[in-house]
Amino acid sequence: MFALLRTAPPDSHGTAARMVAAKRAAYDLARAAGVVACPVNALPLSAADWRAHHGTGRQS
């Protein structure tokens, strides 16, 4: 397991959005390498992200 735990000053406008964008870029890079993410994070995940993480739910 690898985790990035970051903080930002509360008065830093736009910092949170930049941090989430950077986290998304890191997530996409990791997914391309076959890594899965623990869904306990500040990254908004789409339905496609969840399907990629959990699979289709169908058993072969």
N, C-alpha and C. Protein backbone atom coordinates (compact mmCIF):
# COMPACT_ATOMS: atom_id res chain seq x y z
N MET A 1 0.85 -1.17 0.00
CA MET A 1 0.00 0.00 0.00
C MET A 1 0.89 1.23 0.00
N PHE A 2 0.46 2.21 -0.76
CA PHE A 2 1.15 3.49 -0.85
C PHE A 2 0.10 4.57 -0.74
N ALA A 3 0.31 5.55 0.13
CA ALA A 3 -0.68 6.62 0.32
C ALA A 3 0.00 7.97 0.32
N LEU A 4 -0.63 8.92 -0.32
CA LEU A 4 -0.20 10.31 -0.28
C LEU A 4 -1.21 11.07 0.59
N LEU A 5 -0.75 11.58 1.70
CA LEU A 5 -1.61 12.34 2.59
C LEU A 5 -1.13 13.78 2.57
N ARG A 6 -1.93 14.65 1.99
CA ARG A 6 -1.51 16.03 1.79
C ARG A 6 -2.43 16.97 2.55
N THR A 7 -1.92 18.15 2.84
CA THR A 7 -2.71 19.20 3.47
C THR A 7 -2.50 20.50 2.70
N ALA A 8 -3.40 21.43 2.91
CA ALA A 8 -3.29 22.74 2.27
C ALA A 8 -3.78 23.80 3.24
N PRO A 9 -3.22 24.99 3.15
CA PRO A 9 -3.72 26.08 3.99
C PRO A 9 -5.17 26.39 3.64
N PRO A 10 -6.02 26.64 4.62
CA PRO A 10 -7.43 26.90 4.33
C PRO A 10 -7.68 28.16 3.51
N ASP A 11 -6.75 29.10 3.51
CA ASP A 11 -6.96 30.35 2.78
C ASP A 11 -6.30 30.35 1.40
N SER A 12 -5.87 29.19 0.95
CA SER A 12 -5.21 29.08 -0.35
C SER A 12 -6.24 28.73 -1.41
N HIS A 13 -6.79 29.74 -2.06
CA HIS A 13 -7.86 29.55 -3.05
C HIS A 13 -7.37 28.73 -4.24
N GLY A 14 -8.13 27.73 -4.61
CA GLY A 14 -7.80 26.92 -5.77
C GLY A 14 -6.86 25.77 -5.47
N THR A 15 -6.27 25.76 -4.28
CA THR A 15 -5.31 24.69 -3.96
C THR A 15 -5.98 23.32 -3.96
N ALA A 16 -7.15 23.21 -3.35
CA ALA A 16 -7.83 21.92 -3.29
C ALA A 16 -8.13 21.39 -4.69
N ALA A 17 -8.59 22.25 -5.58
CA ALA A 17 -8.89 21.82 -6.96
C ALA A 17 -7.62 21.35 -7.67
N ARG A 18 -6.52 22.07 -7.46
CA ARG A 18 -5.24 21.65 -8.07
C ARG A 18 -4.76 20.32 -7.48
N MET A 19 -4.97 20.14 -6.19
CA MET A 19 -4.55 18.89 -5.55
C MET A 19 -5.38 17.70 -6.06
N VAL A 20 -6.68 17.90 -6.22
CA VAL A 20 -7.53 16.83 -6.75
C VAL A 20 -7.14 16.53 -8.20
N ALA A 21 -6.85 17.55 -8.99
CA ALA A 21 -6.42 17.33 -10.38
C ALA A 21 -5.11 16.56 -10.43
N ALA A 22 -4.18 16.89 -9.55
CA ALA A 22 -2.90 16.17 -9.50
C ALA A 22 -3.12 14.73 -9.06
N LYS A 23 -4.04 14.54 -8.11
CA LYS A 23 -4.34 13.17 -7.64
C LYS A 23 -4.96 12.36 -8.77
N ARG A 24 -5.81 13.00 -9.58
CA ARG A 24 -6.43 12.31 -10.71
C ARG A 24 -5.36 11.87 -11.71
N ALA A 25 -4.41 12.75 -11.99
CA ALA A 25 -3.34 12.41 -12.92
C ALA A 25 -2.52 11.23 -12.39
N ALA A 26 -2.23 11.23 -11.10
CA ALA A 26 -1.48 10.12 -10.49
C ALA A 26 -2.31 8.84 -10.54
N TYR A 27 -3.61 8.94 -10.29
CA TYR A 27 -4.51 7.78 -10.34
C TYR A 27 -4.54 7.19 -11.75
N ASP A 28 -4.69 8.04 -12.76
CA ASP A 28 -4.74 7.57 -14.15
C ASP A 28 -3.42 6.89 -14.54
N LEU A 29 -2.32 7.44 -14.10
CA LEU A 29 -1.01 6.84 -14.37
C LEU A 29 -0.89 5.47 -13.70
N ALA A 30 -1.32 5.39 -12.45
CA ALA A 30 -1.26 4.12 -11.73
C ALA A 30 -2.19 3.08 -12.36
N ARG A 31 -3.40 3.49 -12.73
CA ARG A 31 -4.35 2.55 -13.37
C ARG A 31 -3.78 2.02 -14.68
N ALA A 32 -3.10 2.86 -15.44
CA ALA A 32 -2.50 2.43 -16.70
C ALA A 32 -1.43 1.36 -16.46
N ALA A 33 -0.85 1.37 -15.26
CA ALA A 33 0.17 0.38 -14.91
C ALA A 33 -0.44 -0.85 -14.23
N GLY A 34 -1.78 -0.87 -14.10
CA GLY A 34 -2.45 -2.03 -13.51
C GLY A 34 -2.69 -1.95 -12.02
N VAL A 35 -2.44 -0.80 -11.43
CA VAL A 35 -2.63 -0.61 -9.99
C VAL A 35 -4.10 -0.31 -9.72
N VAL A 36 -4.62 -0.75 -8.58
CA VAL A 36 -5.96 -0.36 -8.15
C VAL A 36 -5.83 0.56 -6.95
N ALA A 37 -6.80 1.43 -6.77
CA ALA A 37 -6.75 2.41 -5.69
C ALA A 37 -7.72 2.03 -4.60
N CYS A 38 -7.33 2.30 -3.39
CA CYS A 38 -8.25 2.18 -2.26
C CYS A 38 -9.24 3.33 -2.40
N PRO A 39 -10.54 3.06 -2.44
CA PRO A 39 -11.50 4.13 -2.71
C PRO A 39 -11.71 5.11 -1.56
N VAL A 40 -10.89 5.06 -0.53
CA VAL A 40 -11.00 6.02 0.56
C VAL A 40 -10.02 7.16 0.26
N ASN A 41 -10.47 8.09 -0.54
CA ASN A 41 -9.64 9.23 -0.90
C ASN A 41 -10.52 10.37 -1.37
N ALA A 42 -9.92 11.47 -1.73
CA ALA A 42 -10.68 12.66 -2.15
C ALA A 42 -10.85 12.72 -3.65
N LEU A 43 -10.68 11.60 -4.33
CA LEU A 43 -10.76 11.60 -5.78
C LEU A 43 -12.17 11.21 -6.23
N PRO A 44 -12.87 12.08 -6.93
CA PRO A 44 -14.17 11.71 -7.46
C PRO A 44 -14.00 10.60 -8.51
N LEU A 45 -14.75 9.51 -8.37
CA LEU A 45 -14.66 8.40 -9.31
C LEU A 45 -15.95 8.31 -10.12
N SER A 46 -15.80 8.09 -11.41
CA SER A 46 -16.95 7.94 -12.30
C SER A 46 -17.44 6.50 -12.25
N ALA A 47 -18.58 6.24 -12.88
CA ALA A 47 -19.09 4.87 -12.97
C ALA A 47 -18.07 3.97 -13.68
N ALA A 48 -17.40 4.50 -14.70
CA ALA A 48 -16.38 3.72 -15.42
C ALA A 48 -15.19 3.42 -14.51
N ASP A 49 -14.81 4.37 -13.66
CA ASP A 49 -13.73 4.13 -12.70
C ASP A 49 -14.10 2.97 -11.76
N TRP A 50 -15.34 3.00 -11.27
CA TRP A 50 -15.77 1.94 -10.35
C TRP A 50 -15.82 0.59 -11.05
N ARG A 51 -16.28 0.56 -12.29
CA ARG A 51 -16.30 -0.71 -13.04
C ARG A 51 -14.88 -1.24 -13.22
N ALA A 52 -13.95 -0.36 -13.54
CA ALA A 52 -12.55 -0.78 -13.70
C ALA A 52 -11.99 -1.29 -12.38
N HIS A 53 -12.40 -0.70 -11.28
CA HIS A 53 -11.91 -1.09 -9.97
C HIS A 53 -12.50 -2.43 -9.52
N HIS A 54 -13.81 -2.59 -9.68
CA HIS A 54 -14.50 -3.77 -9.16
C HIS A 54 -14.83 -4.81 -10.23
N GLY A 55 -14.69 -4.48 -11.47
CA GLY A 55 -15.09 -5.40 -12.54
C GLY A 55 -16.56 -5.22 -12.85
N THR A 56 -17.07 -6.05 -13.73
CA THR A 56 -18.47 -5.91 -14.16
C THR A 56 -19.45 -6.55 -13.20
N GLY A 57 -18.95 -7.36 -12.28
CA GLY A 57 -19.84 -8.07 -11.36
C GLY A 57 -20.27 -9.42 -11.90
N ARG A 58 -19.91 -9.72 -13.12
CA ARG A 58 -20.24 -11.00 -13.73
C ARG A 58 -19.11 -11.99 -13.46
N GLN A 59 -19.49 -13.20 -13.17
CA GLN A 59 -18.50 -14.24 -12.97
C GLN A 59 -18.41 -15.10 -14.22
N SER A 60 -17.20 -15.53 -14.57
CA SER A 60 -17.07 -16.36 -15.76
C SER A 60 -17.06 -17.82 -15.39
